[in-house]
C-alpha atoms as a PDB file:
ATOM      1  CA  MET A   1     -36.293 -23.449  39.148  1.00  0.00           C
ATOM      2  CA  ILE A   2     -38.816 -23.738  36.392  1.00  0.00           C
ATOM      3  CA  GLU A   3     -37.322 -21.722  33.539  1.00  0.00           C
ATOM      4  CA  GLY A   4     -38.600 -18.152  33.658  1.00  0.00           C
ATOM      5  CA  LEU A   5     -41.090 -18.747  36.461  1.00  0.00           C
ATOM      6  CA  THR A   6     -39.477 -17.305  39.636  1.00  0.00           C
ATOM      7  CA  ASN A   7     -42.262 -14.785  40.641  1.00  0.00           C
ATOM      8  CA  ILE A   8     -45.734 -15.791  39.610  1.00  0.00           C
ATOM      9  CA  ALA A   9     -49.261 -14.538  40.146  1.00  0.00           C
ATOM     10  CA  VAL A  10     -52.227 -16.832  40.164  1.00  0.00           C
ATOM     11  CA  ILE A  11     -55.587 -15.012  39.693  1.00  0.00           C
ATOM     12  CA  ALA A  12     -58.607 -17.341  40.162  1.00  0.00           C
ATOM     13  CA  ALA A  13     -62.283 -16.710  40.219  1.00  0.00           C
ATOM     14  CA  HIS A  14     -63.195 -19.012  43.200  1.00  0.00           C
ATOM     15  CA  PRO A  15     -61.610 -20.598  46.189  1.00  0.00           C
ATOM     16  CA  ASP A  16     -60.298 -24.129  44.998  1.00  0.00           C
ATOM     17  CA  ASP A  17     -59.865 -23.001  41.347  1.00  0.00           C
ATOM     18  CA  GLU A  18     -56.254 -22.076  42.151  1.00  0.00           C
ATOM     19  CA  VAL A  19     -55.620 -25.622  43.405  1.00  0.00           C
ATOM     20  CA  LEU A  20     -57.440 -27.429  40.673  1.00  0.00           C
ATOM     21  CA  GLY A  21     -55.841 -25.505  37.798  1.00  0.00           C
ATOM     22  CA  PHE A  22     -52.428 -24.527  39.104  1.00  0.00           C
ATOM     23  CA  GLY A  23     -51.708 -26.166  42.470  1.00  0.00           C
ATOM     24  CA  GLY A  24     -48.973 -28.579  41.363  1.00  0.00           C
ATOM     25  CA  THR A  25     -47.128 -25.908  39.512  1.00  0.00           C
ATOM     26  CA  MET A  26     -47.490 -23.480  42.444  1.00  0.00           C
ATOM     27  CA  HIS A  27     -45.854 -26.016  44.663  1.00  0.00           C
ATOM     28  CA  ARG A  28     -43.051 -26.789  42.223  1.00  0.00           C
ATOM     29  CA  ILE A  29     -42.178 -23.149  42.000  1.00  0.00           C
ATOM     30  CA  SER A  30     -42.452 -22.380  45.674  1.00  0.00           C
ATOM     31  CA  SER A  31     -40.422 -25.530  46.708  1.00  0.00           C
ATOM     32  CA  LYS A  32     -37.568 -24.324  44.428  1.00  0.00           C
ATOM     33  CA  GLY A  33     -37.532 -20.885  46.173  1.00  0.00           C
ATOM     34  CA  GLY A  34     -39.808 -19.059  43.818  1.00  0.00           C
ATOM     35  CA  ALA A  35     -42.498 -16.538  44.982  1.00  0.00           C
ATOM     36  CA  VAL A  36     -46.199 -17.361  44.440  1.00  0.00           C
ATOM     37  CA  SER A  37     -48.994 -14.918  44.979  1.00  0.00           C
ATOM     38  CA  VAL A  38     -52.705 -15.648  44.715  1.00  0.00           C
ATOM     39  CA  LEU A  39     -55.768 -13.530  44.193  1.00  0.00           C
ATOM     40  CA  ILE A  40     -59.196 -15.065  44.468  1.00  0.00           C
ATOM     41  CA  LEU A  41     -61.907 -12.710  42.980  1.00  0.00           C
ATOM     42  CA  ALA A  42     -65.272 -14.135  43.936  1.00  0.00           C
ATOM     43  CA  THR A  43     -66.741 -15.338  47.245  1.00  0.00           C
ATOM     44  CA  GLY A  44     -67.353 -18.814  45.983  1.00  0.00           C
ATOM     45  CA  LEU A  45     -70.528 -19.209  48.123  1.00  0.00           C
ATOM     46  CA  ALA A  46     -73.235 -16.776  47.161  1.00  0.00           C
ATOM     47  CA  ALA A  47     -74.586 -18.883  44.301  1.00  0.00           C
ATOM     48  CA  ARG A  48     -75.591 -21.654  46.863  1.00  0.00           C
ATOM     49  CA  GLN A  49     -77.613 -19.110  48.837  1.00  0.00           C
ATOM     50  CA  THR A  50     -81.238 -18.369  47.839  1.00  0.00           C
ATOM     51  CA  SER A  51     -80.794 -14.776  48.893  1.00  0.00           C
ATOM     52  CA  GLY A  52     -77.762 -14.454  46.648  1.00  0.00           C
ATOM     53  CA  ALA A  53     -75.590 -13.306  49.544  1.00  0.00           C
ATOM     54  CA  ALA A  54     -72.783 -15.327  51.200  1.00  0.00           C
ATOM     55  CA  ASP A  55     -73.314 -16.197  54.895  1.00  0.00           C
ATOM     56  CA  PRO A  56     -70.509 -14.536  56.798  1.00  0.00           C
ATOM     57  CA  SER A  57     -69.623 -17.662  58.872  1.00  0.00           C
ATOM     58  CA  ASP A  58     -69.556 -19.888  55.843  1.00  0.00           C
ATOM     59  CA  LEU A  59     -67.406 -17.408  53.976  1.00  0.00           C
ATOM     60  CA  ALA A  60     -65.011 -17.316  56.961  1.00  0.00           C
ATOM     61  CA  GLN A  61     -64.809 -21.044  57.035  1.00  0.00           C
ATOM     62  CA  LEU A  62     -64.180 -21.249  53.290  1.00  0.00           C
ATOM     63  CA  ARG A  63     -61.454 -18.741  53.584  1.00  0.00           C
ATOM     64  CA  GLU A  64     -59.861 -20.712  56.409  1.00  0.00           C
ATOM     65  CA  HIS A  65     -59.784 -23.773  54.125  1.00  0.00           C
ATOM     66  CA  SER A  66     -58.332 -21.668  51.437  1.00  0.00           C
ATOM     67  CA  GLU A  67     -55.567 -20.438  53.668  1.00  0.00           C
ATOM     68  CA  SER A  68     -54.735 -23.930  54.727  1.00  0.00           C
ATOM     69  CA  ALA A  69     -54.586 -25.082  51.085  1.00  0.00           C
ATOM     70  CA  ASN A  70     -52.457 -22.299  49.927  1.00  0.00           C
ATOM     71  CA  THR A  71     -50.116 -22.656  52.891  1.00  0.00           C
ATOM     72  CA  LEU A  72     -49.467 -26.266  51.845  1.00  0.00           C
ATOM     73  CA  LEU A  73     -48.630 -25.034  48.336  1.00  0.00           C
ATOM     74  CA  GLY A  74     -46.123 -22.506  49.676  1.00  0.00           C
ATOM     75  CA  VAL A  75     -48.026 -19.373  48.776  1.00  0.00           C
ATOM     76  CA  ARG A  76     -46.508 -16.159  50.165  1.00  0.00           C
ATOM     77  CA  ASP A  77     -49.399 -13.789  49.604  1.00  0.00           C
ATOM     78  CA  LEU A  78     -53.047 -14.759  49.488  1.00  0.00           C
ATOM     79  CA  GLN A  79     -55.707 -12.154  48.853  1.00  0.00           C
ATOM     80  CA  PHE A  80     -59.451 -12.231  48.480  1.00  0.00           C
ATOM     81  CA  ALA A  81     -61.871  -9.968  46.722  1.00  0.00           C
ATOM     82  CA  ASP A  82     -65.625 -10.007  47.191  1.00  0.00           C
ATOM     83  CA  PHE A  83     -67.170 -10.134  43.744  1.00  0.00           C
ATOM     84  CA  PRO A  84     -70.465 -12.048  43.639  1.00  0.00           C
ATOM     85  CA  ASP A  85     -70.290 -15.816  42.992  1.00  0.00           C
ATOM     86  CA  ASN A  86     -71.434 -16.836  39.557  1.00  0.00           C
ATOM     87  CA  ARG A  87     -72.649 -13.316  39.004  1.00  0.00           C
ATOM     88  CA  MET A  88     -69.410 -11.487  38.089  1.00  0.00           C
ATOM     89  CA  ASP A  89     -71.083 -10.555  34.776  1.00  0.00           C
ATOM     90  CA  THR A  90     -73.291  -8.207  36.793  1.00  0.00           C
ATOM     91  CA  VAL A  91     -70.173  -6.211  37.800  1.00  0.00           C
ATOM     92  CA  ALA A  92     -68.631  -3.579  35.548  1.00  0.00           C
ATOM     93  CA  LEU A  93     -65.525  -5.217  33.998  1.00  0.00           C
ATOM     94  CA  LEU A  94     -63.575  -2.092  34.852  1.00  0.00           C
ATOM     95  CA  ASP A  95     -64.043  -2.693  38.547  1.00  0.00           C
ATOM     96  CA  VAL A  96     -62.645  -6.188  38.190  1.00  0.00           C
ATOM     97  CA  VAL A  97     -59.740  -4.940  36.099  1.00  0.00           C
ATOM     98  CA  HIS A  98     -58.826  -2.320  38.780  1.00  0.00           C
ATOM     99  CA  ARG A  99     -58.763  -5.004  41.481  1.00  0.00           C
ATOM    100  CA  VAL A 100     -56.499  -7.143  39.350  1.00  0.00           C
ATOM    101  CA  GLU A 101     -54.342  -4.202  38.477  1.00  0.00           C
ATOM    102  CA  ALA A 102     -53.846  -3.321  42.202  1.00  0.00           C
ATOM    103  CA  PHE A 103     -52.879  -6.911  42.921  1.00  0.00           C
ATOM    104  CA  LEU A 104     -50.364  -7.030  39.985  1.00  0.00           C
ATOM    105  CA  ASP A 105     -48.895  -3.710  40.989  1.00  0.00           C
ATOM    106  CA  GLY A 106     -47.970  -5.030  44.369  1.00  0.00           C
ATOM    107  CA  VAL A 107     -46.648  -8.386  43.085  1.00  0.00           C
ATOM    108  CA  LYS A 108     -44.917  -7.305  39.925  1.00  0.00           C
ATOM    109  CA  PRO A 109     -44.874 -10.911  38.585  1.00  0.00           C
ATOM    110  CA  ASP A 110     -42.807 -12.376  35.776  1.00  0.00           C
ATOM    111  CA  ALA A 111     -45.741 -14.570  34.874  1.00  0.00           C
ATOM    112  CA  VAL A 112     -49.523 -14.456  35.473  1.00  0.00           C
ATOM    113  CA  PHE A 113     -51.610 -17.713  35.466  1.00  0.00           C
ATOM    114  CA  THR A 114     -55.363 -17.441  35.159  1.00  0.00           C
ATOM    115  CA  HIS A 115     -58.467 -19.137  33.692  1.00  0.00           C
ATOM    116  CA  HIS A 116     -58.968 -20.238  30.097  1.00  0.00           C
ATOM    117  CA  ALA A 117     -61.168 -17.738  28.340  1.00  0.00           C
ATOM    118  CA  GLY A 118     -63.305 -20.455  26.885  1.00  0.00           C
ATOM    119  CA  ASP A 119     -64.419 -21.940  30.228  1.00  0.00           C
ATOM    120  CA  LEU A 120     -68.096 -22.572  30.650  1.00  0.00           C
ATOM    121  CA  ASN A 121     -68.276 -20.793  34.050  1.00  0.00           C
ATOM    122  CA  VAL A 122     -69.091 -17.089  33.630  1.00  0.00           C
ATOM    123  CA  ASP A 123     -66.832 -16.056  36.464  1.00  0.00           C
ATOM    124  CA  HIS A 124     -63.930 -17.752  34.851  1.00  0.00           C
ATOM    125  CA  GLN A 125     -64.678 -15.965  31.555  1.00  0.00           C
ATOM    126  CA  ILE A 126     -64.831 -12.503  33.340  1.00  0.00           C
ATOM    127  CA  THR A 127     -61.652 -13.289  35.249  1.00  0.00           C
ATOM    128  CA  ALA A 128     -59.824 -14.195  32.057  1.00  0.00           C
ATOM    129  CA  LYS A 129     -61.015 -11.051  30.284  1.00  0.00           C
ATOM    130  CA  ALA A 130     -60.024  -8.801  33.269  1.00  0.00           C
ATOM    131  CA  VAL A 131     -56.528 -10.398  33.603  1.00  0.00           C
ATOM    132  CA  GLN A 132     -56.022 -10.070  29.842  1.00  0.00           C
ATOM    133  CA  THR A 133     -56.875  -6.357  30.105  1.00  0.00           C
ATOM    134  CA  ALA A 134     -54.663  -5.757  33.235  1.00  0.00           C
ATOM    135  CA  CYS A 135     -51.807  -7.622  31.625  1.00  0.00           C
ATOM    136  CA  ARG A 136     -51.816  -5.692  28.426  1.00  0.00           C
ATOM    137  CA  SER A 137     -48.168  -5.106  27.338  1.00  0.00           C
ATOM    138  CA  LEU A 138     -46.789  -1.696  28.502  1.00  0.00           C
ATOM    139  CA  PRO A 139     -43.279  -0.365  28.813  1.00  0.00           C
ATOM    140  CA  GLY A 140     -41.768  -2.052  31.791  1.00  0.00           C
ATOM    141  CA  PHE A 141     -44.583  -4.481  32.333  1.00  0.00           C
ATOM    142  CA  ALA A 142     -45.127  -7.394  29.909  1.00  0.00           C
ATOM    143  CA  PRO A 143     -45.456 -10.523  32.019  1.00  0.00           C
ATOM    144  CA  THR A 144     -45.871 -13.948  30.520  1.00  0.00           C
ATOM    145  CA  LEU A 145     -49.598 -14.708  30.366  1.00  0.00           C
ATOM    146  CA  ILE A 146     -50.670 -18.347  30.819  1.00  0.00           C
ATOM    147  CA  HIS A 147     -54.176 -19.934  30.902  1.00  0.00           C
ATOM    148  CA  GLY A 148     -54.894 -23.107  32.771  1.00  0.00           C
ATOM    149  CA  GLU A 149     -57.701 -25.698  33.030  1.00  0.00           C
ATOM    150  CA  VAL A 150     -60.067 -26.217  35.974  1.00  0.00           C
ATOM    151  CA  LEU A 151     -61.893 -29.433  36.350  1.00  0.00           C
ATOM    152  CA  SER A 152     -65.754 -29.122  36.344  1.00  0.00           C
ATOM    153  CA  SER A 153     -65.523 -26.105  34.030  1.00  0.00           C
ATOM    154  CA  THR A 154     -62.908 -26.141  31.361  1.00  0.00           C
ATOM    155  CA  GLU A 155     -63.815 -29.600  30.112  1.00  0.00           C
ATOM    156  CA  TYR A 156     -67.484 -28.522  29.618  1.00  0.00           C
ATOM    157  CA  ALA A 157     -66.596 -25.790  27.114  1.00  0.00           C
ATOM    158  CA  LEU A 158     -67.912 -25.828  23.539  1.00  0.00           C
ATOM    159  CA  PRO A 159     -65.726 -27.889  21.191  1.00  0.00           C
ATOM    160  CA  GLU A 160     -64.538 -24.737  19.446  1.00  0.00           C
ATOM    161  CA  ASP A 161     -63.642 -23.195  22.790  1.00  0.00           C
ATOM    162  CA  GLN A 162     -61.541 -26.134  24.214  1.00  0.00           C
ATOM    163  CA  ILE A 163     -58.153 -25.303  25.626  1.00  0.00           C
ATOM    164  CA  GLN A 164     -55.209 -26.273  23.360  1.00  0.00           C
ATOM    165  CA  PRO A 165     -52.166 -26.810  25.704  1.00  0.00           C
ATOM    166  CA  ASN A 166     -48.779 -25.784  24.479  1.00  0.00           C
ATOM    167  CA  MET A 167     -46.998 -25.975  27.853  1.00  0.00           C
ATOM    168  CA  TYR A 168     -46.763 -28.796  30.423  1.00  0.00           C
ATOM    169  CA  VAL A 169     -45.191 -28.774  33.908  1.00  0.00           C
ATOM    170  CA  GLU A 170     -44.102 -32.090  35.240  1.00  0.00           C
ATOM    171  CA  LEU A 171     -45.463 -32.396  38.834  1.00  0.00           C
ATOM    172  CA  GLY A 172     -43.505 -35.306  40.407  1.00  0.00           C
ATOM    173  CA  SER A 173     -44.165 -35.403  44.213  1.00  0.00           C
ATOM    174  CA  SER A 174     -45.998 -32.015  43.889  1.00  0.00           C
ATOM    175  CA  LEU A 175     -49.082 -33.959  42.727  1.00  0.00           C
ATOM    176  CA  ASP A 176     -49.498 -35.421  46.205  1.00  0.00           C
ATOM    177  CA  VAL A 177     -49.199 -31.860  47.714  1.00  0.00           C
ATOM    178  CA  LYS A 178     -51.848 -30.676  45.224  1.00  0.00           C
ATOM    179  CA  ILE A 179     -54.132 -33.507  46.324  1.00  0.00           C
ATOM    180  CA  ALA A 180     -53.594 -32.624  49.949  1.00  0.00           C
ATOM    181  CA  ALA A 181     -54.267 -28.980  49.272  1.00  0.00           C
ATOM    182  CA  MET A 182     -57.526 -29.789  47.486  1.00  0.00           C
ATOM    183  CA  ALA A 183     -58.592 -31.987  50.387  1.00  0.00           C
ATOM    184  CA  CYS A 184     -58.519 -28.755  52.526  1.00  0.00           C
ATOM    185  CA  TYR A 185     -61.613 -27.739  50.570  1.00  0.00           C
ATOM    186  CA  LYS A 186     -63.867 -30.293  52.136  1.00  0.00           C
ATOM    187  CA  GLU A 187     -67.141 -28.651  51.102  1.00  0.00           C
ATOM    188  CA  GLU A 188     -65.976 -28.453  47.430  1.00  0.00           C
ATOM    189  CA  LEU A 189     -65.077 -32.108  47.012  1.00  0.00           C
ATOM    190  CA  ARG A 190     -67.346 -34.649  45.285  1.00  0.00           C
ATOM    191  CA  ALA A 191     -67.192 -38.445  44.911  1.00  0.00           C
ATOM    192  CA  PHE A 192     -65.635 -39.964  41.792  1.00  0.00           C
ATOM    193  CA  PRO A 193     -66.472 -39.904  38.961  1.00  0.00           C
ATOM    194  CA  HIS A 194     -67.311 -36.234  39.539  1.00  0.00           C
ATOM    195  CA  PRO A 195     -64.502 -34.135  37.969  1.00  0.00           C
ATOM    196  CA  ARG A 196     -64.031 -32.213  41.223  1.00  0.00           C
ATOM    197  CA  SER A 197     -62.829 -35.324  43.031  1.00  0.00           C
ATOM    198  CA  LEU A 198     -59.400 -36.403  44.187  1.00  0.00           C
ATOM    199  CA  ASP A 199     -59.386 -39.377  41.887  1.00  0.00           C
ATOM    200  CA  ALA A 200     -60.316 -37.138  38.875  1.00  0.00           C
ATOM    201  CA  ILE A 201     -57.363 -34.813  39.701  1.00  0.00           C
ATOM    202  CA  ARG A 202     -55.029 -37.770  39.623  1.00  0.00           C
ATOM    203  CA  ALA A 203     -56.498 -39.046  36.441  1.00  0.00           C
ATOM    204  CA  GLN A 204     -56.171 -35.572  34.724  1.00  0.00           C
ATOM    205  CA  ALA A 205     -52.601 -35.369  35.809  1.00  0.00           C
ATOM    206  CA  ALA A 206     -51.860 -38.805  34.442  1.00  0.00           C
ATOM    207  CA  LEU A 207     -53.470 -37.959  31.062  1.00  0.00           C
ATOM    208  CA  ARG A 208     -51.517 -34.678  30.741  1.00  0.00           C
ATOM    209  CA  GLY A 209     -48.497 -36.611  31.748  1.00  0.00           C
ATOM    210  CA  THR A 210     -48.919 -39.093  28.919  1.00  0.00           C
ATOM    211  CA  GLN A 211     -49.216 -36.240  26.566  1.00  0.00           C
ATOM    212  CA  SER A 212     -45.844 -34.880  27.625  1.00  0.00           C
ATOM    213  CA  GLY A 213     -43.804 -37.926  28.322  1.00  0.00           C
ATOM    214  CA  VAL A 214     -43.894 -37.829  32.187  1.00  0.00           C
ATOM    215  CA  SER A 215     -46.031 -39.571  34.852  1.00  0.00           C
ATOM    216  CA  ALA A 216     -48.032 -36.531  35.894  1.00  0.00           C
ATOM    217  CA  ALA A 217     -48.364 -33.020  34.579  1.00  0.00           C
ATOM    218  CA  GLU A 218     -50.451 -29.869  34.532  1.00  0.00           C
ATOM    219  CA  ALA A 219     -51.292 -28.437  31.093  1.00  0.00           C
ATOM    220  CA  PHE A 220     -51.347 -24.770  30.088  1.00  0.00           C
ATOM    221  CA  ARG A 221     -51.771 -22.526  27.173  1.00  0.00           C
ATOM    222  CA  ILE A 222     -49.186 -19.711  26.766  1.00  0.00           C
ATOM    223  CA  VAL A 223     -51.207 -16.680  25.592  1.00  0.00           C
ATOM    224  CA  ARG A 224     -48.178 -14.347  25.451  1.00  0.00           C
ATOM    225  CA  LYS A 225     -44.468 -14.578  26.147  1.00  0.00           C
ATOM    226  CA  VAL A 226     -42.049 -11.713  25.429  1.00  0.00           C
ATOM    227  CA  ILE A 227     -38.460 -12.691  24.829  1.00  0.00           C
ATOM    228  CA  THR A 228     -35.773 -10.103  25.132  1.00  0.00           C
ATOM    229  CA  LEU A 229     -32.547 -11.021  23.295  1.00  0.00           C
END
């Protein structure tokens, strides 16, 4: 078991963000008997529609792809919200916080993984802020809070907003499972050298691996960790 990570929650803005940012770690934890729960907040489709509304059949298909991907990663509980894609800044932050709080209340995780607050994508920013609020330390609830990086967003942040990793998870064979999970999102994939490609995922894992002395890794920023002695 990865030390201190036996029951984790992953809160992502869009379908495929959970795989891109955390998929290898999710599989590492689940394969060792840990519990992994996922909440995806936005539909992931509406920004592609001129009407601004997600087509129900397209949304159903995307969620089927998401269920397939998360099954490969060993996720026990996958939940979806219906916040507007790339328009989460039009929703009251409190509404997003309440949805996150309801999810966390059911999961009661030891650690929460979510987006880096400096990401370019506005939905990632709102998600990070909502999770930060929902995870404020209270008596009996102070989970470790961890930010991750999502290709095609995190790397586009302003220089002063770039993520500064201070935790790495060695992926080993879980990298191949992450690749297989991402392949489930057929409509989200692009050809290399687009960052949202399977080759780019492998390249990023190799880069983070060289930074941490292993062949492949995912990189994270620990925002808060409470140690009880």
